[in-house]
Amino acid sequence: MRQSVQELFEKYQDNLYIIAFNVCKSAEDAKDVVQDTFIQYYLAKKEFDNEQHIRAWLIRVAINKAKNVNGTFWRKNKMSLEDYMETLTFETPESEELFEAVMQLPEKYRIIIHLFYYEE
């Protein structure tokens, strides 16, 4: 038994998203997991016994993909910008004051300025 990806997506996208989010703890990663799950279903040449079998397969694939996301090098080694900033040292008091002023800006501006000027 095979069902169209569109039908399955409409039925199960929210459930798979919640499952993936509970594992990943990230909305963006959970969206990617759901998308990858349906891509894998589309590419799989597997025949299923019934709709419950399809649902169980989709859930298992989503859980495995979410666990894989958590196990990536990037997720294991990332550090928040605030934690990273605590490790910085400054050559002059003026540069430290400038840095503190930049950190008072809204997040969307301060991250860009920090990356451009401090991280090149």
Protein backbone atom coordinates (compact mmCIF):
# COMPACT_ATOMS: atom_id res chain seq x y z
CA MET A 1 0.00 0.00 0.00
CA ARG A 2 1.28 3.43 -0.96
CA GLN A 3 -0.34 6.79 -0.34
CA SER A 4 0.56 10.08 -1.94
CA VAL A 5 3.02 12.27 -0.12
CA GLN A 6 0.55 15.15 -0.25
CA GLU A 7 -2.13 13.17 1.61
CA LEU A 8 0.32 11.99 4.23
CA PHE A 9 1.80 15.45 4.63
CA GLU A 10 -1.62 16.95 5.31
CA LYS A 11 -2.41 14.24 7.88
CA TYR A 12 0.88 13.87 9.72
CA GLN A 13 3.00 17.00 9.33
CA ASP A 14 1.91 18.50 12.66
CA ASN A 15 2.42 15.25 14.58
CA LEU A 16 5.85 14.70 13.06
CA TYR A 17 6.81 18.31 13.77
CA ILE A 18 5.90 17.95 17.45
CA ILE A 19 7.84 14.71 17.71
CA ALA A 20 10.89 16.20 15.99
CA PHE A 21 10.71 19.38 18.08
CA ASN A 22 10.61 17.36 21.29
CA VAL A 23 13.83 15.62 20.28
CA CYS A 24 15.65 18.56 18.63
CA LYS A 25 14.41 21.46 20.79
CA SER A 26 14.70 23.66 17.70
CA ALA A 27 11.88 24.79 15.41
CA GLU A 28 14.12 25.08 12.35
CA ASP A 29 15.65 21.65 12.85
CA ALA A 30 12.22 20.12 13.44
CA LYS A 31 10.95 21.57 10.15
CA ASP A 32 13.97 20.12 8.35
CA VAL A 33 13.38 16.73 9.96
CA VAL A 34 9.74 16.68 8.81
CA GLN A 35 10.76 17.63 5.29
CA ASP A 36 13.50 15.00 5.20
CA THR A 37 11.08 12.39 6.52
CA PHE A 38 8.64 12.96 3.68
CA ILE A 39 11.46 13.02 1.15
CA GLN A 40 12.62 9.66 2.44
CA TYR A 41 9.07 8.31 2.16
CA TYR A 42 8.85 9.58 -1.41
CA LEU A 43 12.15 7.98 -2.36
CA ALA A 44 11.49 4.70 -0.56
CA LYS A 45 10.24 1.88 -2.75
CA LYS A 46 8.73 0.14 0.25
CA GLU A 47 5.24 -1.32 0.26
CA PHE A 48 3.30 -0.90 3.50
CA ASP A 49 0.63 -3.17 4.92
CA ASN A 50 -1.79 -0.41 5.93
CA GLU A 51 -1.98 3.23 6.95
CA GLN A 52 -0.97 2.47 10.53
CA HIS A 53 2.19 0.88 9.20
CA ILE A 54 2.92 4.03 7.17
CA ARG A 55 2.28 6.24 10.23
CA ALA A 56 4.57 4.15 12.43
CA TRP A 57 7.28 4.20 9.75
CA LEU A 58 7.05 8.00 9.40
CA ILE A 59 7.28 8.47 13.17
CA ARG A 60 10.30 6.17 13.46
CA VAL A 61 12.07 7.92 10.57
CA ALA A 62 11.36 11.35 12.08
CA ILE A 63 12.69 10.29 15.49
CA ASN A 64 15.86 8.83 13.95
CA LYS A 65 16.46 11.92 11.83
CA ALA A 66 15.93 14.20 14.83
CA LYS A 67 18.42 12.16 16.86
CA ASN A 68 20.89 12.44 13.97
CA VAL A 69 20.50 16.23 14.02
CA ASN A 70 21.29 16.28 17.74
CA GLY A 71 24.39 14.16 17.14
CA THR A 72 25.99 16.44 14.56
CA PHE A 73 29.31 18.12 15.26
CA TRP A 74 27.69 21.53 14.96
CA ARG A 75 25.04 20.86 17.61
CA LYS A 76 27.52 19.30 20.02
CA ASN A 77 30.06 22.11 19.77
CA LYS A 78 28.04 25.28 19.36
CA MET A 79 28.34 28.02 21.92
CA SER A 80 25.99 30.94 22.42
CA LEU A 81 27.28 34.34 21.40
CA GLU A 82 27.01 35.56 24.98
CA ASP A 83 29.15 32.69 26.29
CA TYR A 84 31.70 33.27 23.54
CA MET A 85 31.86 36.99 24.27
CA GLU A 86 32.84 36.27 27.86
CA THR A 87 36.02 34.63 26.58
CA LEU A 88 37.14 37.72 24.61
CA THR A 89 40.04 39.87 25.71
CA PHE A 90 40.58 43.48 24.65
CA GLU A 91 43.80 45.34 23.93
CA THR A 92 42.59 48.71 25.21
CA PRO A 93 39.86 49.95 27.55
CA GLU A 94 38.37 51.90 24.62
CA SER A 95 37.90 48.75 22.58
CA GLU A 96 36.18 47.09 25.53
CA GLU A 97 33.85 50.10 25.92
CA LEU A 98 33.06 50.01 22.20
CA PHE A 99 32.32 46.32 22.42
CA GLU A 100 29.99 46.87 25.39
CA ALA A 101 28.18 49.63 23.45
CA VAL A 102 27.71 47.30 20.49
CA MET A 103 26.28 44.68 22.83
CA GLN A 104 23.59 47.15 23.91
CA LEU A 105 22.22 47.21 20.35
CA PRO A 106 19.26 45.00 19.36
CA GLU A 107 20.34 41.41 18.75
CA LYS A 108 19.87 41.48 14.97
CA TYR A 109 22.33 44.41 14.68
CA ARG A 110 24.87 43.39 17.28
CA ILE A 111 25.38 39.91 15.84
CA ILE A 112 26.07 41.31 12.38
CA ILE A 113 28.46 43.96 13.71
CA HIS A 114 30.23 41.44 15.91
CA LEU A 115 30.69 38.96 13.08
CA PHE A 116 31.84 41.60 10.59
CA TYR A 117 34.29 43.52 12.79
CA TYR A 118 35.43 40.97 15.34
CA GLU A 119 35.31 37.71 13.42
CA GLU A 120 36.09 39.17 9.99
